[in-house]
């Protein structure tokens, strides 16, 4: 996996909860489009899951991603 992919995967693994793409962009300093592409790959591999929920960082209700074992 590419370095930004490892950064995102590591962040999701070490931080509990769910995060929107906007917050991942701000926290990780990776462009939103790149985060979206990487998240699709991580979802396909089973490393993370997307759902509608509340972002743990900003508190907005929207599409969020979290570790696969945390997603419901």
N, C-alpha and C. Protein backbone atom coordinates (compact mmCIF):
# COMPACT_ATOMS: atom_id res chain seq x y z
N UNK A 1 0.84 -1.18 0.00
CA UNK A 1 0.00 0.00 0.00
C UNK A 1 0.89 1.25 0.00
N UNK A 2 0.40 2.29 -0.62
CA UNK A 2 1.15 3.54 -0.71
C UNK A 2 1.23 4.23 0.66
N UNK A 3 2.18 5.14 0.85
CA UNK A 3 2.34 5.80 2.16
C UNK A 3 1.07 6.48 2.68
N UNK A 4 0.32 7.26 1.87
CA UNK A 4 -0.91 7.83 2.42
C UNK A 4 -1.91 6.76 2.86
N UNK A 5 -1.96 5.66 2.14
CA UNK A 5 -2.84 4.56 2.53
C UNK A 5 -2.46 3.98 3.88
N UNK A 6 -1.16 3.84 4.10
CA UNK A 6 -0.70 3.33 5.40
C UNK A 6 -1.02 4.33 6.52
N UNK A 7 -0.90 5.62 6.23
CA UNK A 7 -1.21 6.64 7.23
C UNK A 7 -2.69 6.56 7.62
N UNK A 8 -3.56 6.47 6.63
CA UNK A 8 -5.00 6.39 6.91
C UNK A 8 -5.34 5.11 7.67
N UNK A 9 -4.81 3.99 7.20
CA UNK A 9 -5.08 2.71 7.86
C UNK A 9 -4.59 2.74 9.31
N UNK A 10 -3.42 3.28 9.53
CA UNK A 10 -2.86 3.37 10.88
C UNK A 10 -3.72 4.29 11.76
N UNK A 11 -4.16 5.41 11.20
CA UNK A 11 -5.00 6.34 11.97
C UNK A 11 -6.29 5.66 12.41
N UNK A 12 -6.95 4.98 11.47
CA UNK A 12 -8.20 4.31 11.81
C UNK A 12 -7.99 3.18 12.81
N UNK A 13 -6.85 2.51 12.71
CA UNK A 13 -6.55 1.41 13.63
C UNK A 13 -6.27 1.92 15.05
N UNK A 14 -5.61 3.06 15.17
CA UNK A 14 -5.19 3.55 16.48
C UNK A 14 -6.19 4.51 17.14
N UNK A 15 -7.13 5.05 16.36
CA UNK A 15 -8.14 5.96 16.91
C UNK A 15 -9.49 5.28 16.83
N UNK A 16 -10.14 5.16 17.94
CA UNK A 16 -11.47 4.58 17.93
C UNK A 16 -12.46 5.55 17.32
N UNK A 17 -13.57 5.05 16.88
CA UNK A 17 -14.63 5.90 16.38
C UNK A 17 -14.67 5.95 14.87
N UNK A 18 -15.43 6.92 14.38
CA UNK A 18 -15.71 7.07 12.96
C UNK A 18 -15.37 8.50 12.55
N UNK A 19 -14.91 8.66 11.32
CA UNK A 19 -14.45 9.96 10.86
C UNK A 19 -14.96 10.26 9.46
N UNK A 20 -15.33 11.53 9.23
CA UNK A 20 -15.74 11.95 7.89
C UNK A 20 -14.48 12.27 7.08
N UNK A 21 -14.64 12.31 5.77
CA UNK A 21 -13.51 12.60 4.88
C UNK A 21 -12.96 14.00 5.16
N UNK A 22 -13.84 14.96 5.44
CA UNK A 22 -13.37 16.33 5.73
C UNK A 22 -12.41 16.35 6.91
N UNK A 23 -12.75 15.65 7.98
CA UNK A 23 -11.88 15.64 9.16
C UNK A 23 -10.59 14.86 8.90
N UNK A 24 -10.69 13.75 8.19
CA UNK A 24 -9.47 13.01 7.85
C UNK A 24 -8.54 13.89 7.02
N UNK A 25 -9.11 14.67 6.12
CA UNK A 25 -8.32 15.58 5.29
C UNK A 25 -7.57 16.59 6.17
N UNK A 26 -8.29 17.19 7.11
CA UNK A 26 -7.67 18.20 7.98
C UNK A 26 -6.65 17.59 8.93
N UNK A 27 -6.99 16.49 9.55
CA UNK A 27 -6.12 15.88 10.56
C UNK A 27 -4.86 15.27 9.92
N UNK A 28 -5.03 14.62 8.77
CA UNK A 28 -3.91 13.89 8.17
C UNK A 28 -3.19 14.69 7.08
N UNK A 29 -3.74 15.84 6.69
CA UNK A 29 -3.15 16.68 5.65
C UNK A 29 -2.95 15.91 4.35
N UNK A 30 -4.00 15.18 3.96
CA UNK A 30 -4.02 14.43 2.70
C UNK A 30 -5.25 14.93 1.95
N UNK A 31 -5.14 15.22 0.64
CA UNK A 31 -6.28 15.72 -0.12
C UNK A 31 -7.50 14.79 -0.03
N UNK A 32 -8.69 15.40 0.04
CA UNK A 32 -9.92 14.64 0.18
C UNK A 32 -10.15 13.62 -0.90
N UNK A 33 -9.84 13.97 -2.15
CA UNK A 33 -10.01 13.01 -3.25
C UNK A 33 -9.14 11.79 -3.08
N UNK A 34 -7.93 12.02 -2.63
CA UNK A 34 -7.00 10.90 -2.40
C UNK A 34 -7.50 10.04 -1.23
N UNK A 35 -8.01 10.67 -0.19
CA UNK A 35 -8.56 9.92 0.95
C UNK A 35 -9.73 9.06 0.49
N UNK A 36 -10.62 9.63 -0.33
CA UNK A 36 -11.77 8.86 -0.81
C UNK A 36 -11.35 7.63 -1.61
N UNK A 37 -10.36 7.80 -2.49
CA UNK A 37 -9.88 6.66 -3.28
C UNK A 37 -9.27 5.59 -2.38
N UNK A 38 -8.47 6.00 -1.41
CA UNK A 38 -7.82 5.06 -0.50
C UNK A 38 -8.87 4.35 0.35
N UNK A 39 -9.87 5.08 0.82
CA UNK A 39 -10.92 4.47 1.64
C UNK A 39 -11.68 3.41 0.85
N UNK A 40 -11.92 3.65 -0.42
CA UNK A 40 -12.59 2.63 -1.24
C UNK A 40 -11.76 1.35 -1.29
N UNK A 41 -10.45 1.50 -1.47
CA UNK A 41 -9.57 0.31 -1.47
C UNK A 41 -9.59 -0.39 -0.12
N UNK A 42 -9.55 0.39 0.96
CA UNK A 42 -9.55 -0.21 2.31
C UNK A 42 -10.88 -0.92 2.58
N UNK A 43 -11.98 -0.36 2.09
CA UNK A 43 -13.28 -1.02 2.27
C UNK A 43 -13.31 -2.34 1.50
N UNK A 44 -12.78 -2.34 0.29
CA UNK A 44 -12.77 -3.57 -0.51
C UNK A 44 -11.92 -4.65 0.14
N UNK A 45 -10.86 -4.25 0.84
CA UNK A 45 -10.01 -5.23 1.50
C UNK A 45 -10.54 -5.64 2.88
N UNK A 46 -11.59 -4.96 3.34
CA UNK A 46 -12.17 -5.28 4.64
C UNK A 46 -11.49 -4.59 5.82
N UNK A 47 -10.61 -3.63 5.55
CA UNK A 47 -9.89 -2.93 6.63
C UNK A 47 -10.73 -1.85 7.29
N UNK A 48 -11.72 -1.32 6.58
CA UNK A 48 -12.58 -0.29 7.16
C UNK A 48 -13.96 -0.41 6.55
N UNK A 49 -14.90 0.25 7.20
CA UNK A 49 -16.28 0.25 6.72
C UNK A 49 -16.82 1.66 6.75
N UNK A 50 -17.69 1.95 5.78
CA UNK A 50 -18.36 3.23 5.73
C UNK A 50 -19.81 3.06 6.18
N UNK A 51 -20.35 4.09 6.78
CA UNK A 51 -21.75 4.09 7.19
C UNK A 51 -22.18 5.53 7.41
N UNK A 52 -23.47 5.74 7.53
CA UNK A 52 -23.97 7.06 7.93
C UNK A 52 -23.91 7.07 9.45
N UNK A 53 -23.27 8.08 9.99
CA UNK A 53 -23.12 8.15 11.44
C UNK A 53 -22.59 9.51 11.85
N UNK A 54 -22.16 9.61 13.07
CA UNK A 54 -21.65 10.87 13.62
C UNK A 54 -20.13 10.81 13.63
N UNK A 55 -19.51 11.84 13.06
CA UNK A 55 -18.05 11.92 13.04
C UNK A 55 -17.55 12.15 14.46
N UNK A 56 -16.58 11.36 14.86
CA UNK A 56 -16.01 11.47 16.20
C UNK A 56 -15.21 12.75 16.39
N UNK A 57 -14.82 13.38 15.29
CA UNK A 57 -13.99 14.58 15.39
C UNK A 57 -14.84 15.86 15.37
N UNK A 58 -15.75 15.99 14.40
CA UNK A 58 -16.51 17.24 14.26
C UNK A 58 -17.94 17.14 14.78
N UNK A 59 -18.44 15.92 14.97
CA UNK A 59 -19.78 15.73 15.51
C UNK A 59 -20.90 15.82 14.48
N UNK A 60 -20.57 16.01 13.20
CA UNK A 60 -21.63 16.08 12.18
C UNK A 60 -22.11 14.68 11.82
N UNK A 61 -23.39 14.58 11.49
CA UNK A 61 -23.96 13.31 11.04
C UNK A 61 -23.86 13.27 9.52
N UNK A 62 -23.11 12.30 9.03
CA UNK A 62 -22.82 12.19 7.60
C UNK A 62 -22.14 10.86 7.33
N UNK A 63 -21.76 10.58 6.07
CA UNK A 63 -20.99 9.36 5.82
C UNK A 63 -19.66 9.41 6.58
N UNK A 64 -19.37 8.36 7.29
CA UNK A 64 -18.14 8.26 8.09
C UNK A 64 -17.50 6.90 7.86
N UNK A 65 -16.22 6.78 8.21
CA UNK A 65 -15.51 5.51 8.12
C UNK A 65 -14.86 5.20 9.45
N UNK A 66 -14.73 3.92 9.73
CA UNK A 66 -14.07 3.47 10.95
C UNK A 66 -13.50 2.09 10.71
N UNK A 67 -12.81 1.58 11.70
CA UNK A 67 -12.26 0.22 11.59
C UNK A 67 -13.39 -0.76 11.33
N UNK A 68 -13.11 -1.76 10.53
CA UNK A 68 -14.13 -2.73 10.16
C UNK A 68 -14.73 -3.41 11.39
N UNK A 69 -13.90 -3.72 12.39
CA UNK A 69 -14.42 -4.42 13.57
C UNK A 69 -15.27 -3.53 14.45
N UNK A 70 -15.22 -2.19 14.25
CA UNK A 70 -16.05 -1.27 15.03
C UNK A 70 -17.36 -0.94 14.34
N UNK A 71 -17.39 -1.07 13.01
CA UNK A 71 -18.56 -0.68 12.26
C UNK A 71 -19.71 -1.63 12.54
N UNK A 72 -20.91 -1.08 12.55
CA UNK A 72 -22.09 -1.92 12.80
C UNK A 72 -23.09 -1.82 11.67
